[in-house]
Amino acid sequence: MIIGITGPIASGKTILSEMLVMMGFMRFSLSGEVREEAKKLGLPIERVALQNLGNEMRLKHGREFWAKRVIVKMQKDKNYVIEGIRNPGEVEEFRKIRNFILIGIDAPIEQRLQWIISRNKDSDPKTFEGVKVIDSRDRGFGENESGQQSDACYQMADAYILNNTDFRDLREKIEKVINELGC
């Protein structure tokens, strides 16, 4: 089984991935693939530079580029979770594989800002306006079809999780979705 995860910054994608890893899934992160490429090219590991690189590679090599890069690393007899799908071309490529399921996860922007501040990553915004700017681009506003399109990916999901309370509630929601999907 292959489970893809899409959603905005700090919505709970990593927590969902970690729960699946604890259940025996192998993990890939599309943003991790972009970071790996940025390091090879000597680019800064900063959100805007990484987004630009991700978009550039999709424009140059096809919207499915990052998905194909991960797919060639997979083994047929293992379960995988793919975190951070941000373009419909990636979803379409993963859908070519039997047993692919896409989960969309989201949370209110106010809560995501609190979580962003508490996780304290250098590249994260520290203000509500900063989150809105990142959210806008990530969701696809002002982006071409090779760009960030997490809203379009979210609309393609097979199951949805609203992360709007606390960790215990999120865990219960994740467990419910995973059980419903037969993982």
C-alpha atoms as a PDB file:
ATOM      1  CA  MET A   1       0.000   0.000   0.000  1.00  0.00           C
ATOM      2  CA  ILE A   2       1.172   3.509  -0.780  1.00  0.00           C
ATOM      3  CA  ILE A   3      -0.309   6.430   1.122  1.00  0.00           C
ATOM      4  CA  GLY A   4       0.294   9.955  -0.113  1.00  0.00           C
ATOM      5  CA  ILE A   5      -0.203  12.947   2.151  1.00  0.00           C
ATOM      6  CA  THR A   6      -1.045  16.476   1.098  1.00  0.00           C
ATOM      7  CA  GLY A   7      -1.899  19.587   3.075  1.00  0.00           C
ATOM      8  CA  PRO A   8      -0.641  23.041   4.007  1.00  0.00           C
ATOM      9  CA  ILE A   9       2.322  23.929   6.200  1.00  0.00           C
ATOM     10  CA  ALA A  10       2.057  22.657   9.800  1.00  0.00           C
ATOM     11  CA  SER A  11      -1.245  20.850   9.221  1.00  0.00           C
ATOM     12  CA  GLY A  12      -0.013  17.525  10.647  1.00  0.00           C
ATOM     13  CA  LYS A  13       1.550  15.819   7.597  1.00  0.00           C
ATOM     14  CA  THR A  14       4.668  14.776   9.505  1.00  0.00           C
ATOM     15  CA  ILE A  15       2.718  13.414  12.490  1.00  0.00           C
ATOM     16  CA  LEU A  16       0.560  11.359  10.124  1.00  0.00           C
ATOM     17  CA  SER A  17       3.710  10.090   8.351  1.00  0.00           C
ATOM     18  CA  GLU A  18       5.352   9.181  11.655  1.00  0.00           C
ATOM     19  CA  MET A  19       2.308   7.189  12.735  1.00  0.00           C
ATOM     20  CA  LEU A  20       2.420   5.225   9.481  1.00  0.00           C
ATOM     21  CA  VAL A  21       6.158   4.607   9.924  1.00  0.00           C
ATOM     22  CA  MET A  22       5.391   3.167  13.397  1.00  0.00           C
ATOM     23  CA  MET A  23       2.960   0.823  11.608  1.00  0.00           C
ATOM     24  CA  GLY A  24       5.769  -0.421   9.348  1.00  0.00           C
ATOM     25  CA  PHE A  25       5.503   1.937   6.379  1.00  0.00           C
ATOM     26  CA  MET A  26       8.688   3.215   4.730  1.00  0.00           C
ATOM     27  CA  ARG A  27       8.722   7.024   4.414  1.00  0.00           C
ATOM     28  CA  PHE A  28       9.572   9.324   1.537  1.00  0.00           C
ATOM     29  CA  SER A  29       9.239  13.098   1.608  1.00  0.00           C
ATOM     30  CA  LEU A  30       8.957  15.000  -1.650  1.00  0.00           C
ATOM     31  CA  SER A  31      10.399  18.080   0.045  1.00  0.00           C
ATOM     32  CA  GLY A  32      13.265  15.845   1.188  1.00  0.00           C
ATOM     33  CA  GLU A  33      13.891  15.002  -2.459  1.00  0.00           C
ATOM     34  CA  VAL A  34      13.920  18.711  -3.315  1.00  0.00           C
ATOM     35  CA  ARG A  35      16.363  19.381  -0.437  1.00  0.00           C
ATOM     36  CA  GLU A  36      18.627  16.600  -1.683  1.00  0.00           C
ATOM     37  CA  GLU A  37      18.685  18.147  -5.159  1.00  0.00           C
ATOM     38  CA  ALA A  38      19.295  21.635  -3.732  1.00  0.00           C
ATOM     39  CA  LYS A  39      22.327  20.347  -1.821  1.00  0.00           C
ATOM     40  CA  LYS A  40      23.733  18.794  -5.005  1.00  0.00           C
ATOM     41  CA  LEU A  41      23.298  22.126  -6.790  1.00  0.00           C
ATOM     42  CA  GLY A  42      24.715  24.171  -3.904  1.00  0.00           C
ATOM     43  CA  LEU A  43      21.452  26.069  -3.390  1.00  0.00           C
ATOM     44  CA  PRO A  44      20.363  27.447  -0.009  1.00  0.00           C
ATOM     45  CA  ILE A  45      18.034  25.227   2.001  1.00  0.00           C
ATOM     46  CA  GLU A  46      15.393  27.917   2.403  1.00  0.00           C
ATOM     47  CA  ARG A  47      11.662  27.611   1.721  1.00  0.00           C
ATOM     48  CA  VAL A  48      11.465  29.999  -1.270  1.00  0.00           C
ATOM     49  CA  ALA A  49      14.592  28.563  -2.915  1.00  0.00           C
ATOM     50  CA  LEU A  50      13.273  25.026  -2.428  1.00  0.00           C
ATOM     51  CA  GLN A  51       9.846  25.931  -3.807  1.00  0.00           C
ATOM     52  CA  ASN A  52      11.481  27.565  -6.811  1.00  0.00           C
ATOM     53  CA  LEU A  53      13.649  24.509  -7.439  1.00  0.00           C
ATOM     54  CA  GLY A  54      10.673  22.159  -7.105  1.00  0.00           C
ATOM     55  CA  ASN A  55       8.702  24.227  -9.591  1.00  0.00           C
ATOM     56  CA  GLU A  56      11.650  24.556 -11.985  1.00  0.00           C
ATOM     57  CA  MET A  57      12.244  20.792 -12.075  1.00  0.00           C
ATOM     58  CA  ARG A  58       8.536  20.117 -12.700  1.00  0.00           C
ATOM     59  CA  LEU A  59       8.503  22.697 -15.497  1.00  0.00           C
ATOM     60  CA  LYS A  60      11.655  21.265 -17.077  1.00  0.00           C
ATOM     61  CA  HIS A  61      10.973  17.524 -16.607  1.00  0.00           C
ATOM     62  CA  GLY A  62       7.182  17.275 -16.189  1.00  0.00           C
ATOM     63  CA  ARG A  63       4.768  17.807 -13.317  1.00  0.00           C
ATOM     64  CA  GLU A  64       5.291  14.193 -12.234  1.00  0.00           C
ATOM     65  CA  PHE A  65       9.084  14.612 -11.866  1.00  0.00           C
ATOM     66  CA  TRP A  66       9.278  14.360  -8.045  1.00  0.00           C
ATOM     67  CA  ALA A  67       6.871  11.420  -7.935  1.00  0.00           C
ATOM     68  CA  LYS A  68       8.903   9.506 -10.517  1.00  0.00           C
ATOM     69  CA  ARG A  69      12.060  10.229  -8.553  1.00  0.00           C
ATOM     70  CA  VAL A  70      10.531   8.532  -5.509  1.00  0.00           C
ATOM     71  CA  ILE A  71       8.842   5.682  -7.373  1.00  0.00           C
ATOM     72  CA  VAL A  72      12.151   4.369  -8.745  1.00  0.00           C
ATOM     73  CA  LYS A  73      13.398   4.033  -5.141  1.00  0.00           C
ATOM     74  CA  MET A  74      10.444   1.875  -4.054  1.00  0.00           C
ATOM     75  CA  GLN A  75      10.435  -1.886  -3.680  1.00  0.00           C
ATOM     76  CA  LYS A  76       7.313  -3.779  -4.735  1.00  0.00           C
ATOM     77  CA  ASP A  77       6.847  -5.706  -1.486  1.00  0.00           C
ATOM     78  CA  LYS A  78       6.841  -2.760   0.933  1.00  0.00           C
ATOM     79  CA  ASN A  79       4.288  -0.221   2.167  1.00  0.00           C
ATOM     80  CA  TYR A  80       5.140   3.456   1.727  1.00  0.00           C
ATOM     81  CA  VAL A  81       4.003   6.838   2.947  1.00  0.00           C
ATOM     82  CA  ILE A  82       4.800   9.795   0.681  1.00  0.00           C
ATOM     83  CA  GLU A  83       4.706  13.095   2.536  1.00  0.00           C
ATOM     84  CA  GLY A  84       4.235  16.532   1.003  1.00  0.00           C
ATOM     85  CA  ILE A  85       2.580  15.983  -2.374  1.00  0.00           C
ATOM     86  CA  ARG A  86       2.069  19.462  -3.815  1.00  0.00           C
ATOM     87  CA  ASN A  87       1.205  19.091  -7.495  1.00  0.00           C
ATOM     88  CA  PRO A  88      -1.622  17.181  -9.250  1.00  0.00           C
ATOM     89  CA  GLY A  89       0.928  15.724 -11.688  1.00  0.00           C
ATOM     90  CA  GLU A  90       2.516  13.948  -8.732  1.00  0.00           C
ATOM     91  CA  VAL A  91      -0.858  12.583  -7.608  1.00  0.00           C
ATOM     92  CA  GLU A  92      -1.608  11.374 -11.148  1.00  0.00           C
ATOM     93  CA  GLU A  93       1.754   9.590 -11.339  1.00  0.00           C
ATOM     94  CA  PHE A  94       1.272   7.883  -7.962  1.00  0.00           C
ATOM     95  CA  ARG A  95      -2.273   6.857  -8.982  1.00  0.00           C
ATOM     96  CA  LYS A  96      -0.704   4.707 -11.729  1.00  0.00           C
ATOM     97  CA  ILE A  97       0.513   2.444  -8.923  1.00  0.00           C
ATOM     98  CA  ARG A  98      -1.968  -0.058  -7.544  1.00  0.00           C
ATOM     99  CA  ASN A  99      -3.050   0.543  -3.935  1.00  0.00           C
ATOM    100  CA  PHE A 100      -2.280   4.281  -3.850  1.00  0.00           C
ATOM    101  CA  ILE A 101      -4.416   6.344  -1.472  1.00  0.00           C
ATOM    102  CA  LEU A 102      -4.158  10.110  -0.972  1.00  0.00           C
ATOM    103  CA  ILE A 103      -4.970  11.632   2.411  1.00  0.00           C
ATOM    104  CA  GLY A 104      -5.587  15.362   2.719  1.00  0.00           C
ATOM    105  CA  ILE A 105      -4.901  16.925   6.107  1.00  0.00           C
ATOM    106  CA  ASP A 106      -5.656  20.498   7.095  1.00  0.00           C
ATOM    107  CA  ALA A 107      -5.913  22.692  10.180  1.00  0.00           C
ATOM    108  CA  PRO A 108      -7.093  26.246  10.873  1.00  0.00           C
ATOM    109  CA  ILE A 109      -4.413  28.812  10.075  1.00  0.00           C
ATOM    110  CA  GLU A 110      -4.457  30.185  13.646  1.00  0.00           C
ATOM    111  CA  GLN A 111      -3.568  26.776  15.070  1.00  0.00           C
ATOM    112  CA  ARG A 112      -0.967  26.175  12.392  1.00  0.00           C
ATOM    113  CA  LEU A 113       0.715  29.473  13.323  1.00  0.00           C
ATOM    114  CA  GLN A 114       0.884  28.355  16.969  1.00  0.00           C
ATOM    115  CA  TRP A 115       2.409  25.012  15.945  1.00  0.00           C
ATOM    116  CA  ILE A 116       4.859  26.727  13.581  1.00  0.00           C
ATOM    117  CA  ILE A 117       6.033  29.032  16.362  1.00  0.00           C
ATOM    118  CA  SER A 118       6.402  26.152  18.836  1.00  0.00           C
ATOM    119  CA  ARG A 119       8.367  23.937  16.417  1.00  0.00           C
ATOM    120  CA  ASN A 120      10.722  26.892  15.821  1.00  0.00           C
ATOM    121  CA  LYS A 121      12.246  25.943  12.445  1.00  0.00           C
ATOM    122  CA  ASP A 122      14.572  28.600  11.066  1.00  0.00           C
ATOM    123  CA  SER A 123      12.856  28.645   7.664  1.00  0.00           C
ATOM    124  CA  ASP A 124       9.320  28.987   9.091  1.00  0.00           C
ATOM    125  CA  PRO A 125       7.442  32.280   9.261  1.00  0.00           C
ATOM    126  CA  LYS A 126       6.937  33.790  12.696  1.00  0.00           C
ATOM    127  CA  THR A 127       3.827  35.904  12.014  1.00  0.00           C
ATOM    128  CA  PHE A 128       0.255  35.383  10.837  1.00  0.00           C
ATOM    129  CA  GLU A 129       1.021  37.412   7.698  1.00  0.00           C
ATOM    130  CA  GLY A 130       4.095  35.290   7.025  1.00  0.00           C
ATOM    131  CA  VAL A 131       2.019  32.096   7.216  1.00  0.00           C
ATOM    132  CA  LYS A 132      -0.586  33.614   4.880  1.00  0.00           C
ATOM    133  CA  VAL A 133       2.115  34.389   2.295  1.00  0.00           C
ATOM    134  CA  ILE A 134       3.497  30.822   2.403  1.00  0.00           C
ATOM    135  CA  ASP A 135      -0.014  29.373   2.429  1.00  0.00           C
ATOM    136  CA  SER A 136      -1.028  31.379  -0.608  1.00  0.00           C
ATOM    137  CA  ARG A 137       1.847  30.144  -2.747  1.00  0.00           C
ATOM    138  CA  ASP A 138       1.687  26.582  -1.432  1.00  0.00           C
ATOM    139  CA  ARG A 139      -2.049  26.388  -2.200  1.00  0.00           C
ATOM    140  CA  GLY A 140      -1.413  27.529  -5.780  1.00  0.00           C
ATOM    141  CA  PHE A 141      -2.303  31.234  -5.883  1.00  0.00           C
ATOM    142  CA  GLY A 142      -0.127  32.888  -8.518  1.00  0.00           C
ATOM    143  CA  GLU A 143       1.480  29.565  -9.483  1.00  0.00           C
ATOM    144  CA  ASN A 144       1.437  27.979 -12.924  1.00  0.00           C
ATOM    145  CA  GLU A 145       0.428  24.341 -13.412  1.00  0.00           C
ATOM    146  CA  SER A 146       3.982  23.156 -12.670  1.00  0.00           C
ATOM    147  CA  GLY A 147       4.048  25.055  -9.402  1.00  0.00           C
ATOM    148  CA  GLN A 148       2.814  24.500  -5.887  1.00  0.00           C
ATOM    149  CA  GLN A 149      -0.811  23.328  -6.035  1.00  0.00           C
ATOM    150  CA  SER A 150      -1.608  21.788  -2.654  1.00  0.00           C
ATOM    151  CA  ASP A 151      -5.281  22.904  -2.807  1.00  0.00           C
ATOM    152  CA  ALA A 152      -5.777  21.023  -6.079  1.00  0.00           C
ATOM    153  CA  CYS A 153      -4.062  17.962  -4.578  1.00  0.00           C
ATOM    154  CA  TYR A 154      -6.236  18.222  -1.469  1.00  0.00           C
ATOM    155  CA  GLN A 155      -9.337  18.152  -3.682  1.00  0.00           C
ATOM    156  CA  MET A 156      -8.057  14.879  -5.201  1.00  0.00           C
ATOM    157  CA  ALA A 157      -7.779  13.136  -1.800  1.00  0.00           C
ATOM    158  CA  ASP A 158      -9.503   9.852  -1.014  1.00  0.00           C
ATOM    159  CA  ALA A 159      -9.809  10.686   2.695  1.00  0.00           C
ATOM    160  CA  TYR A 160      -9.588  13.845   4.785  1.00  0.00           C
ATOM    161  CA  ILE A 161      -8.446  14.701   8.293  1.00  0.00           C
ATOM    162  CA  LEU A 162      -9.233  18.000  10.003  1.00  0.00           C
ATOM    163  CA  ASN A 163      -6.575  18.673  12.647  1.00  0.00           C
ATOM    164  CA  ASN A 164      -8.426  21.226  14.748  1.00  0.00           C
ATOM    165  CA  THR A 165      -8.041  20.265  18.396  1.00  0.00           C
ATOM    166  CA  ASP A 166      -5.178  18.506  20.153  1.00  0.00           C
ATOM    167  CA  PHE A 167      -2.661  15.725  19.558  1.00  0.00           C
ATOM    168  CA  ARG A 168      -4.823  13.026  21.173  1.00  0.00           C
ATOM    169  CA  ASP A 169      -7.786  13.920  18.968  1.00  0.00           C
ATOM    170  CA  LEU A 170      -5.555  14.020  15.868  1.00  0.00           C
ATOM    171  CA  ARG A 171      -4.189  10.580  16.711  1.00  0.00           C
ATOM    172  CA  GLU A 172      -7.746   9.217  17.017  1.00  0.00           C
ATOM    173  CA  LYS A 173      -8.736  10.767  13.680  1.00  0.00           C
ATOM    174  CA  ILE A 174      -5.649   9.323  11.995  1.00  0.00           C
ATOM    175  CA  GLU A 175      -6.309   5.876  13.460  1.00  0.00           C
ATOM    176  CA  LYS A 176      -9.927   6.023  12.258  1.00  0.00           C
ATOM    177  CA  VAL A 177      -8.919   6.969   8.688  1.00  0.00           C
ATOM    178  CA  ILE A 178      -6.168   4.348   8.602  1.00  0.00           C
ATOM    179  CA  ASN A 179      -8.596   1.658   9.787  1.00  0.00           C
ATOM    180  CA  GLU A 180     -11.214   2.750   7.237  1.00  0.00           C
ATOM    181  CA  LEU A 181      -8.610   2.535   4.484  1.00  0.00           C
ATOM    182  CA  GLY A 182      -7.618  -0.962   5.589  1.00  0.00           C
ATOM    183  CA  CYS A 183      -3.979  -0.197   6.391  1.00  0.00           C
END
